Amino acid sequence: MVKSDCGFDEKFFKLFKKKISLLKDTEKHCVLLFDEIFLRESINVDSSTLSYSGLENYGKDESTLNSGQKANHGLVMMFQSLGSNITQPIGVFASKGFN
């Protein structure tokens, strides 16, 4: 199982490459989709890991962009096959929109 945090995960891409290699050629034709959603600002604490959720988060590779502000937008990048019913999220990001 791949852990789903914000940003991109290298382990996921290795598994996804294997999955794509098993598809038929017609199933490999795809589009990359971006979907955004407006979020209510809130902060949650995970007591088992002592971490926060609800703050801006672009992933560990872009941690310098994380401002510590409450996120109010979510962005998902997805793979959608045109030849079959395969949809796979690739990256998830939480951001603070413009006011």
PDB file of N, CA and C in Angstrom:
ATOM      1  N   MET A   1       0.848  -1.180   0.000  1.00  0.00           N
ATOM      2  CA  MET A   1       0.000   0.000   0.000  1.00  0.00           C
ATOM      3  C   MET A   1       0.892   1.241   0.000  1.00  0.00           C
ATOM      4  N   VAL A   2       0.512   2.233  -0.781  1.00  0.00           N
ATOM      5  CA  VAL A   2       1.264   3.472  -0.884  1.00  0.00           C
ATOM      6  C   VAL A   2       0.636   4.495   0.043  1.00  0.00           C
ATOM      7  N   LYS A   3       1.450   5.132   0.868  1.00  0.00           N
ATOM      8  CA  LYS A   3       0.964   6.171   1.771  1.00  0.00           C
ATOM      9  C   LYS A   3       0.613   7.406   0.945  1.00  0.00           C
ATOM     10  N   SER A   4      -0.512   8.016   1.225  1.00  0.00           N
ATOM     11  CA  SER A   4      -0.942   9.166   0.433  1.00  0.00           C
ATOM     12  C   SER A   4      -0.791  10.454   1.229  1.00  0.00           C
ATOM     13  N   ASP A   5       0.319  11.101   1.040  1.00  0.00           N
ATOM     14  CA  ASP A   5       0.562  12.419   1.605  1.00  0.00           C
ATOM     15  C   ASP A   5       0.498  13.432   0.472  1.00  0.00           C
ATOM     16  N   CYS A   6       0.617  14.698   0.816  1.00  0.00           N
ATOM     17  CA  CYS A   6       0.639  15.724  -0.220  1.00  0.00           C
ATOM     18  C   CYS A   6       1.940  15.644  -1.013  1.00  0.00           C
ATOM     19  N   GLY A   7       1.868  16.070  -2.260  1.00  0.00           N
ATOM     20  CA  GLY A   7       3.025  16.047  -3.147  1.00  0.00           C
ATOM     21  C   GLY A   7       3.046  14.785  -3.991  1.00  0.00           C
ATOM     22  N   PHE A   8       4.243  14.452  -4.476  1.00  0.00           N
ATOM     23  CA  PHE A   8       4.451  13.258  -5.287  1.00  0.00           C
ATOM     24  C   PHE A   8       5.231  12.237  -4.473  1.00  0.00           C
ATOM     25  N   ASP A   9       5.035  10.956  -4.759  1.00  0.00           N
ATOM     26  CA  ASP A   9       5.712   9.877  -4.048  1.00  0.00           C
ATOM     27  C   ASP A   9       6.470   9.016  -5.055  1.00  0.00           C
ATOM     28  N   GLU A  10       7.799   8.920  -4.906  1.00  0.00           N
ATOM     29  CA  GLU A  10       8.625   8.136  -5.826  1.00  0.00           C
ATOM     30  C   GLU A  10       8.234   6.661  -5.823  1.00  0.00           C
ATOM     31  N   LYS A  11       7.876   6.118  -4.674  1.00  0.00           N
ATOM     32  CA  LYS A  11       7.465   4.709  -4.602  1.00  0.00           C
ATOM     33  C   LYS A  11       6.212   4.483  -5.444  1.00  0.00           C
ATOM     34  N   PHE A  12       5.310   5.445  -5.405  1.00  0.00           N
ATOM     35  CA  PHE A  12       4.090   5.337  -6.195  1.00  0.00           C
ATOM     36  C   PHE A  12       4.423   5.247  -7.678  1.00  0.00           C
ATOM     37  N   PHE A  13       5.346   6.088  -8.160  1.00  0.00           N
ATOM     38  CA  PHE A  13       5.655   6.099  -9.588  1.00  0.00           C
ATOM     39  C   PHE A  13       6.256   4.774 -10.048  1.00  0.00           C
ATOM     40  N   LYS A  14       7.027   4.114  -9.199  1.00  0.00           N
ATOM     41  CA  LYS A  14       7.568   2.794  -9.548  1.00  0.00           C
ATOM     42  C   LYS A  14       6.435   1.782  -9.694  1.00  0.00           C
ATOM     43  N   LEU A  15       5.487   1.799  -8.755  1.00  0.00           N
ATOM     44  CA  LEU A  15       4.339   0.888  -8.830  1.00  0.00           C
ATOM     45  C   LEU A  15       3.436   1.220 -10.021  1.00  0.00           C
ATOM     46  N   PHE A  16       3.252   2.509 -10.271  1.00  0.00           N
ATOM     47  CA  PHE A  16       2.396   2.941 -11.371  1.00  0.00           C
ATOM     48  C   PHE A  16       2.999   2.536 -12.715  1.00  0.00           C
ATOM     49  N   LYS A  17       4.319   2.617 -12.833  1.00  0.00           N
ATOM     50  CA  LYS A  17       5.003   2.203 -14.060  1.00  0.00           C
ATOM     51  C   LYS A  17       4.740   0.723 -14.332  1.00  0.00           C
ATOM     52  N   LYS A  18       4.788  -0.105 -13.287  1.00  0.00           N
ATOM     53  CA  LYS A  18       4.487  -1.536 -13.448  1.00  0.00           C
ATOM     54  C   LYS A  18       3.040  -1.738 -13.893  1.00  0.00           C
ATOM     55  N   LYS A  19       2.130  -0.991 -13.275  1.00  0.00           N
ATOM     56  CA  LYS A  19       0.708  -1.119 -13.616  1.00  0.00           C
ATOM     57  C   LYS A  19       0.467  -0.735 -15.072  1.00  0.00           C
ATOM     58  N   ILE A  20       1.081   0.352 -15.519  1.00  0.00           N
ATOM     59  CA  ILE A  20       0.908   0.819 -16.897  1.00  0.00           C
ATOM     60  C   ILE A  20       1.479  -0.192 -17.882  1.00  0.00           C
ATOM     61  N   SER A  21       2.588  -0.832 -17.525  1.00  0.00           N
ATOM     62  CA  SER A  21       3.202  -1.806 -18.434  1.00  0.00           C
ATOM     63  C   SER A  21       2.292  -3.013 -18.683  1.00  0.00           C
ATOM     64  N   LEU A  22       1.345  -3.274 -17.793  1.00  0.00           N
ATOM     65  CA  LEU A  22       0.418  -4.400 -17.948  1.00  0.00           C
ATOM     66  C   LEU A  22      -0.813  -4.051 -18.788  1.00  0.00           C
ATOM     67  N   LEU A  23      -0.991  -2.765 -19.089  1.00  0.00           N
ATOM     68  CA  LEU A  23      -2.166  -2.342 -19.857  1.00  0.00           C
ATOM     69  C   LEU A  23      -1.993  -2.631 -21.343  1.00  0.00           C
ATOM     70  N   LYS A  24      -3.112  -2.775 -22.041  1.00  0.00           N
ATOM     71  CA  LYS A  24      -3.097  -2.887 -23.499  1.00  0.00           C
ATOM     72  C   LYS A  24      -2.715  -1.525 -24.067  1.00  0.00           C
ATOM     73  N   ASP A  25      -2.221  -1.515 -25.312  1.00  0.00           N
ATOM     74  CA  ASP A  25      -1.816  -0.255 -25.934  1.00  0.00           C
ATOM     75  C   ASP A  25      -2.958   0.754 -25.980  1.00  0.00           C
ATOM     76  N   THR A  26      -4.175   0.284 -26.250  1.00  0.00           N
ATOM     77  CA  THR A  26      -5.314   1.208 -26.321  1.00  0.00           C
ATOM     78  C   THR A  26      -5.649   1.804 -24.957  1.00  0.00           C
ATOM     79  N   GLU A  27      -5.318   1.095 -23.881  1.00  0.00           N
ATOM     80  CA  GLU A  27      -5.590   1.595 -22.533  1.00  0.00           C
ATOM     81  C   GLU A  27      -4.530   2.589 -22.066  1.00  0.00           C
ATOM     82  N   LYS A  28      -3.391   2.620 -22.761  1.00  0.00           N
ATOM     83  CA  LYS A  28      -2.304   3.524 -22.370  1.00  0.00           C
ATOM     84  C   LYS A  28      -2.530   4.949 -22.861  1.00  0.00           C
ATOM     85  N   HIS A  29      -3.451   5.145 -23.794  1.00  0.00           N
ATOM     86  CA  HIS A  29      -3.785   6.499 -24.231  1.00  0.00           C
ATOM     87  C   HIS A  29      -4.544   7.166 -23.092  1.00  0.00           C
ATOM     88  N   CYS A  30      -4.067   8.336 -22.686  1.00  0.00           N
ATOM     89  CA  CYS A  30      -4.629   8.926 -21.470  1.00  0.00           C
ATOM     90  C   CYS A  30      -4.612  10.445 -21.523  1.00  0.00           C
ATOM     91  N   VAL A  31      -5.202  11.031 -20.520  1.00  0.00           N
ATOM     92  CA  VAL A  31      -5.127  12.469 -20.283  1.00  0.00           C
ATOM     93  C   VAL A  31      -4.711  12.677 -18.832  1.00  0.00           C
ATOM     94  N   LEU A  32      -4.049  13.789 -18.583  1.00  0.00           N
ATOM     95  CA  LEU A  32      -3.752  14.205 -17.213  1.00  0.00           C
ATOM     96  C   LEU A  32      -4.798  15.232 -16.821  1.00  0.00           C
ATOM     97  N   LEU A  33      -5.482  14.974 -15.738  1.00  0.00           N
ATOM     98  CA  LEU A  33      -6.544  15.857 -15.263  1.00  0.00           C
ATOM     99  C   LEU A  33      -6.100  16.599 -14.014  1.00  0.00           C
ATOM    100  N   PHE A  34      -6.551  17.821 -13.893  1.00  0.00           N
ATOM    101  CA  PHE A  34      -6.339  18.606 -12.681  1.00  0.00           C
ATOM    102  C   PHE A  34      -7.714  18.973 -12.145  1.00  0.00           C
ATOM    103  N   ASP A  35      -7.930  18.725 -10.880  1.00  0.00           N
ATOM    104  CA  ASP A  35      -9.215  19.034 -10.261  1.00  0.00           C
ATOM    105  C   ASP A  35      -8.951  19.827  -8.991  1.00  0.00           C
ATOM    106  N   GLU A  36      -9.669  20.927  -8.833  1.00  0.00           N
ATOM    107  CA  GLU A  36      -9.486  21.791  -7.665  1.00  0.00           C
ATOM    108  C   GLU A  36     -10.788  21.836  -6.879  1.00  0.00           C
ATOM    109  N   ILE A  37     -10.651  21.988  -5.585  1.00  0.00           N
ATOM    110  CA  ILE A  37     -11.815  22.098  -4.716  1.00  0.00           C
ATOM    111  C   ILE A  37     -11.539  23.173  -3.667  1.00  0.00           C
ATOM    112  N   PHE A  38     -12.575  23.929  -3.333  1.00  0.00           N
ATOM    113  CA  PHE A  38     -12.467  24.910  -2.256  1.00  0.00           C
ATOM    114  C   PHE A  38     -12.701  24.187  -0.938  1.00  0.00           C
ATOM    115  N   LEU A  39     -11.859  24.444   0.051  1.00  0.00           N
ATOM    116  CA  LEU A  39     -11.935  23.780   1.354  1.00  0.00           C
ATOM    117  C   LEU A  39     -12.251  24.780   2.456  1.00  0.00           C
ATOM    118  N   ARG A  40     -12.959  24.342   3.456  1.00  0.00           N
ATOM    119  CA  ARG A  40     -13.160  25.153   4.654  1.00  0.00           C
ATOM    120  C   ARG A  40     -11.860  25.110   5.452  1.00  0.00           C
ATOM    121  N   GLU A  41     -11.396  26.261   5.890  1.00  0.00           N
ATOM    122  CA  GLU A  41     -10.145  26.319   6.652  1.00  0.00           C
ATOM    123  C   GLU A  41     -10.329  25.709   8.033  1.00  0.00           C
ATOM    124  N   SER A  42      -9.497  24.734   8.359  1.00  0.00           N
ATOM    125  CA  SER A  42      -9.499  24.144   9.698  1.00  0.00           C
ATOM    126  C   SER A  42      -8.188  23.394   9.895  1.00  0.00           C
ATOM    127  N   ILE A  43      -7.824  23.213  11.140  1.00  0.00           N
ATOM    128  CA  ILE A  43      -6.605  22.474  11.474  1.00  0.00           C
ATOM    129  C   ILE A  43      -6.998  21.288  12.343  1.00  0.00           C
ATOM    130  N   ASN A  44      -6.443  20.139  12.024  1.00  0.00           N
ATOM    131  CA  ASN A  44      -6.661  18.925  12.807  1.00  0.00           C
ATOM    132  C   ASN A  44      -5.320  18.414  13.303  1.00  0.00           C
ATOM    133  N   VAL A  45      -5.324  17.818  14.477  1.00  0.00           N
ATOM    134  CA  VAL A  45      -4.108  17.246  15.054  1.00  0.00           C
ATOM    135  C   VAL A  45      -4.259  15.733  15.091  1.00  0.00           C
ATOM    136  N   ASP A  46      -3.259  15.038  14.541  1.00  0.00           N
ATOM    137  CA  ASP A  46      -3.221  13.575  14.612  1.00  0.00           C
ATOM    138  C   ASP A  46      -2.399  13.219  15.840  1.00  0.00           C
ATOM    139  N   SER A  47      -3.065  12.776  16.896  1.00  0.00           N
ATOM    140  CA  SER A  47      -2.374  12.520  18.162  1.00  0.00           C
ATOM    141  C   SER A  47      -1.430  11.325  18.084  1.00  0.00           C
ATOM    142  N   SER A  48      -1.636  10.419  17.131  1.00  0.00           N
ATOM    143  CA  SER A  48      -0.739   9.263  17.029  1.00  0.00           C
ATOM    144  C   SER A  48       0.608   9.635  16.419  1.00  0.00           C
ATOM    145  N   THR A  49       0.629  10.654  15.542  1.00  0.00           N
ATOM    146  CA  THR A  49       1.893  11.078  14.924  1.00  0.00           C
ATOM    147  C   THR A  49       2.320  12.475  15.370  1.00  0.00           C
ATOM    148  N   LEU A  50       1.479  13.120  16.173  1.00  0.00           N
ATOM    149  CA  LEU A  50       1.727  14.499  16.616  1.00  0.00           C
ATOM    150  C   LEU A  50       1.990  15.423  15.430  1.00  0.00           C
ATOM    151  N   SER A  51       1.139  15.309  14.419  1.00  0.00           N
ATOM    152  CA  SER A  51       1.279  16.154  13.239  1.00  0.00           C
ATOM    153  C   SER A  51      -0.039  16.878  12.971  1.00  0.00           C
ATOM    154  N   TYR A  52       0.066  17.945  12.184  1.00  0.00           N
ATOM    155  CA  TYR A  52      -1.091  18.757  11.833  1.00  0.00           C
ATOM    156  C   TYR A  52      -1.530  18.434  10.413  1.00  0.00           C
ATOM    157  N   SER A  53      -2.826  18.545  10.163  1.00  0.00           N
ATOM    158  CA  SER A  53      -3.334  18.546   8.795  1.00  0.00           C
ATOM    159  C   SER A  53      -4.242  19.755   8.666  1.00  0.00           C
ATOM    160  N   GLY A  54      -4.319  20.275   7.462  1.00  0.00           N
ATOM    161  CA  GLY A  54      -5.120  21.467   7.226  1.00  0.00           C
ATOM    162  C   GLY A  54      -4.284  22.677   6.873  1.00  0.00           C
ATOM    163  N   LEU A  55      -2.961  22.525   6.905  1.00  0.00           N
ATOM    164  CA  LEU A  55      -2.066  23.617   6.537  1.00  0.00           C
ATOM    165  C   LEU A  55      -1.613  23.451   5.093  1.00  0.00           C
ATOM    166  N   GLU A  56      -1.110  24.545   4.506  1.00  0.00           N
ATOM    167  CA  GLU A  56      -0.558  24.459   3.159  1.00  0.00           C
ATOM    168  C   GLU A  56       0.454  23.332   3.095  1.00  0.00           C
ATOM    169  N   ASN A  57       0.386  22.522   2.036  1.00  0.00           N
ATOM    170  CA  ASN A  57       1.308  21.399   1.917  1.00  0.00           C
ATOM    171  C   ASN A  57       1.491  21.060   0.444  1.00  0.00           C
ATOM    172  N   TYR A  58       2.707  21.291  -0.056  1.00  0.00           N
ATOM    173  CA  TYR A  58       3.040  20.971  -1.443  1.00  0.00           C
ATOM    174  C   TYR A  58       3.897  19.714  -1.534  1.00  0.00           C
ATOM    175  N   GLY A  59       4.072  19.023  -0.424  1.00  0.00           N
ATOM    176  CA  GLY A  59       4.882  17.815  -0.408  1.00  0.00           C
ATOM    177  C   GLY A  59       6.268  18.076   0.138  1.00  0.00           C
ATOM    178  N   LYS A  60       6.974  16.988   0.436  1.00  0.00           N
ATOM    179  CA  LYS A  60       8.293  17.120   1.061  1.00  0.00           C
ATOM    180  C   LYS A  60       9.326  17.720   0.120  1.00  0.00           C
ATOM    181  N   ASP A  61       9.153  17.545  -1.211  1.00  0.00           N
ATOM    182  CA  ASP A  61      10.118  18.091  -2.163  1.00  0.00           C
ATOM    183  C   ASP A  61      10.014  19.603  -2.287  1.00  0.00           C
ATOM    184  N   GLU A  62       8.875  20.158  -1.952  1.00  0.00           N
ATOM    185  CA  GLU A  62       8.642  21.602  -2.046  1.00  0.00           C
ATOM    186  C   GLU A  62       8.328  22.191  -0.679  1.00  0.00           C
ATOM    187  N   SER A  63       8.969  21.685   0.357  1.00  0.00           N
ATOM    188  CA  SER A  63       8.645  22.109   1.723  1.00  0.00           C
ATOM    189  C   SER A  63       8.933  23.583   1.964  1.00  0.00           C
ATOM    190  N   THR A  64       9.812  24.206   1.170  1.00  0.00           N
ATOM    191  CA  THR A  64      10.093  25.633   1.349  1.00  0.00           C
ATOM    192  C   THR A  64       8.893  26.491   0.963  1.00  0.00           C
ATOM    193  N   LEU A  65       7.967  25.943   0.171  1.00  0.00           N
ATOM    194  CA  LEU A  65       6.771  26.690  -0.221  1.00  0.00           C
ATOM    195  C   LEU A  65       5.675  26.630   0.826  1.00  0.00           C
ATOM    196  N   ASN A  66       5.778  25.691   1.760  1.00  0.00           N
ATOM    197  CA  ASN A  66       4.757  25.537   2.796  1.00  0.00           C
ATOM    198  C   ASN A  66       4.851  26.698   3.779  1.00  0.00           C
ATOM    199  N   SER A  67       3.824  27.560   3.789  1.00  0.00           N
ATOM    200  CA  SER A  67       3.874  28.790   4.585  1.00  0.00           C
ATOM    201  C   SER A  67       3.404  28.600   6.022  1.00  0.00           C
ATOM    202  N   GLY A  68       2.729  27.495   6.312  1.00  0.00           N
ATOM    203  CA  GLY A  68       2.160  27.299   7.641  1.00  0.00           C
ATOM    204  C   GLY A  68       0.773  27.897   7.781  1.00  0.00           C
ATOM    205  N   GLN A  69       0.256  28.497   6.704  1.00  0.00           N
ATOM    206  CA  GLN A  69      -1.098  29.054   6.730  1.00  0.00           C
ATOM    207  C   GLN A  69      -2.124  27.946   6.520  1.00  0.00           C
ATOM    208  N   LYS A  70      -3.354  28.200   6.958  1.00  0.00           N
ATOM    209  CA  LYS A  70      -4.436  27.238   6.747  1.00  0.00           C
ATOM    210  C   LYS A  70      -4.736  27.132   5.250  1.00  0.00           C
ATOM    211  N   ALA A  71      -4.827  25.910   4.760  1.00  0.00           N
ATOM    212  CA  ALA A  71      -5.148  25.682   3.352  1.00  0.00           C
ATOM    213  C   ALA A  71      -6.644  25.867   3.122  1.00  0.00           C
ATOM    214  N   ASN A  72      -6.984  26.450   1.967  1.00  0.00           N
ATOM    215  CA  ASN A  72      -8.398  26.563   1.619  1.00  0.00           C
ATOM    216  C   ASN A  72      -8.685  26.078   0.194  1.00  0.00           C
ATOM    217  N   HIS A  73      -7.694  25.463  -0.435  1.00  0.00           N
ATOM    218  CA  HIS A  73      -7.871  24.860  -1.756  1.00  0.00           C
ATOM    219  C   HIS A  73      -7.134  23.524  -1.803  1.00  0.00           C
ATOM    220  N   GLY A  74      -7.730  22.565  -2.477  1.00  0.00           N
ATOM    221  CA  GLY A  74      -7.080  21.284  -2.718  1.00  0.00           C
ATOM    222  C   GLY A  74      -6.955  21.067  -4.212  1.00  0.00           C
ATOM    223  N   LEU A  75      -5.810  20.560  -4.664  1.00  0.00           N
ATOM    224  CA  LEU A  75      -5.574  20.282  -6.076  1.00  0.00           C
ATOM    225  C   LEU A  75      -5.142  18.834  -6.214  1.00  0.00           C
ATOM    226  N   VAL A  76      -5.779  18.121  -7.128  1.00  0.00           N
ATOM    227  CA  VAL A  76      -5.439  16.724  -7.397  1.00  0.00           C
ATOM    228  C   VAL A  76      -5.034  16.609  -8.858  1.00  0.00           C
ATOM    229  N   MET A  77      -3.909  15.936  -9.112  1.00  0.00           N
ATOM    230  CA  MET A  77      -3.460  15.621 -10.466  1.00  0.00           C
ATOM    231  C   MET A  77      -3.738  14.138 -10.686  1.00  0.00           C
ATOM    232  N   MET A  78      -4.459  13.792 -11.781  1.00  0.00           N
ATOM    233  CA  MET A  78      -4.891  12.409 -11.999  1.00  0.00           C
ATOM    234  C   MET A  78      -4.564  11.920 -13.403  1.00  0.00           C
ATOM    235  N   PHE A  79      -4.381  10.604 -13.513  1.00  0.00           N
ATOM    236  CA  PHE A  79      -4.262   9.889 -14.780  1.00  0.00           C
ATOM    237  C   PHE A  79      -5.632   9.316 -15.104  1.00  0.00           C
ATOM    238  N   GLN A  80      -6.124   9.547 -16.329  1.00  0.00           N
ATOM    239  CA  GLN A  80      -7.399   8.967 -16.773  1.00  0.00           C
ATOM    240  C   GLN A  80      -7.171   8.311 -18.125  1.00  0.00           C
ATOM    241  N   SER A  81      -7.358   6.996 -18.187  1.00  0.00           N
ATOM    242  CA  SER A  81      -7.217   6.257 -19.439  1.00  0.00           C
ATOM    243  C   SER A  81      -8.390   6.580 -20.351  1.00  0.00           C
ATOM    244  N   LEU A  82      -8.109   6.744 -21.648  1.00  0.00           N
ATOM    245  CA  LEU A  82      -9.178   6.978 -22.618  1.00  0.00           C
ATOM    246  C   LEU A  82      -9.746   5.664 -23.146  1.00  0.00           C
ATOM    247  N   GLY A  83      -8.989   4.556 -22.981  1.00  0.00           N
ATOM    248  CA  GLY A  83      -9.408   3.271 -23.518  1.00  0.00           C
ATOM    249  C   GLY A  83     -10.004   2.332 -22.494  1.00  0.00           C
ATOM    250  N   SER A  84     -10.052   2.742 -21.238  1.00  0.00           N
ATOM    251  CA  SER A  84     -10.638   1.894 -20.199  1.00  0.00           C
ATOM    252  C   SER A  84     -11.105   2.771 -19.042  1.00  0.00           C
ATOM    253  N   ASN A  85     -11.629   2.143 -18.027  1.00  0.00           N
ATOM    254  CA  ASN A  85     -12.166   2.870 -16.879  1.00  0.00           C
ATOM    255  C   ASN A  85     -11.130   2.951 -15.760  1.00  0.00           C
ATOM    256  N   ILE A  86      -9.912   3.385 -16.080  1.00  0.00           N
ATOM    257  CA  ILE A  86      -8.836   3.479 -15.091  1.00  0.00           C
ATOM    258  C   ILE A  86      -8.591   4.951 -14.769  1.00  0.00           C
ATOM    259  N   THR A  87      -8.731   5.305 -13.512  1.00  0.00           N
ATOM    260  CA  THR A  87      -8.426   6.646 -13.020  1.00  0.00           C
ATOM    261  C   THR A  87      -7.525   6.491 -11.813  1.00  0.00           C
ATOM    262  N   GLN A  88      -6.407   7.234 -11.793  1.00  0.00           N
ATOM    263  CA  GLN A  88      -5.448   7.092 -10.703  1.00  0.00           C
ATOM    264  C   GLN A  88      -4.928   8.467 -10.279  1.00  0.00           C
ATOM    265  N   PRO A  89      -5.135   8.877  -9.027  1.00  0.00           N
ATOM    266  CA  PRO A  89      -4.516  10.118  -8.548  1.00  0.00           C
ATOM    267  C   PRO A  89      -2.991   9.991  -8.572  1.00  0.00           C
ATOM    268  N   ILE A  90      -2.323  11.050  -8.986  1.00  0.00           N
ATOM    269  CA  ILE A  90      -0.860  11.057  -9.067  1.00  0.00           C
ATOM    270  C   ILE A  90      -0.257  11.953  -7.999  1.00  0.00           C
ATOM    271  N   GLY A  91      -0.873  13.091  -7.746  1.00  0.00           N
ATOM    272  CA  GLY A  91      -0.372  14.015  -6.733  1.00  0.00           C
ATOM    273  C   GLY A  91      -1.505  14.803  -6.115  1.00  0.00           C
ATOM    274  N   VAL A  92      -1.341  15.156  -4.848  1.00  0.00           N
ATOM    275  CA  VAL A  92      -2.347  15.918  -4.103  1.00  0.00           C
ATOM    276  C   VAL A  92      -1.630  17.081  -3.424  1.00  0.00           C
ATOM    277  N   PHE A  93      -2.240  18.258  -3.468  1.00  0.00           N
ATOM    278  CA  PHE A  93      -1.620  19.448  -2.897  1.00  0.00           C
ATOM    279  C   PHE A  93      -2.668  20.272  -2.160  1.00  0.00           C
ATOM    280  N   ALA A  94      -2.284  20.869  -1.047  1.00  0.00           N
ATOM    281  CA  ALA A  94      -3.154  21.758  -0.275  1.00  0.00           C
ATOM    282  C   ALA A  94      -2.540  23.149  -0.310  1.00  0.00           C
ATOM    283  N   SER A  95      -3.336  24.150  -0.679  1.00  0.00           N
ATOM    284  CA  SER A  95      -2.778  25.492  -0.826  1.00  0.00           C
ATOM    285  C   SER A  95      -3.699  26.547  -0.234  1.00  0.00           C
ATOM    286  N   LYS A  96      -3.133  27.710  -0.048  1.00  0.00           N
ATOM    287  CA  LYS A  96      -3.873  28.888   0.403  1.00  0.00           C
ATOM    288  C   LYS A  96      -4.147  29.717  -0.832  1.00  0.00           C
ATOM    289  N   GLY A  97      -5.418  29.919  -1.178  1.00  0.00           N
ATOM    290  CA  GLY A  97      -5.775  30.696  -2.361  1.00  0.00           C
ATOM    291  C   GLY A  97      -5.596  32.182  -2.122  1.00  0.00           C
ATOM    292  N   PHE A  98      -5.786  32.939  -3.178  1.00  0.00           N
ATOM    293  CA  PHE A  98      -5.683  34.390  -3.088  1.00  0.00           C
ATOM    294  C   PHE A  98      -6.986  34.970  -2.569  1.00  0.00           C
ATOM    295  N   ASN A  99      -6.898  36.006  -1.773  1.00  0.00           N
ATOM    296  CA  ASN A  99      -8.105  36.669  -1.254  1.00  0.00           C
ATOM    297  C   ASN A  99      -8.365  37.928  -2.020  1.00  0.00           C
TER     298      ASN A  99
END
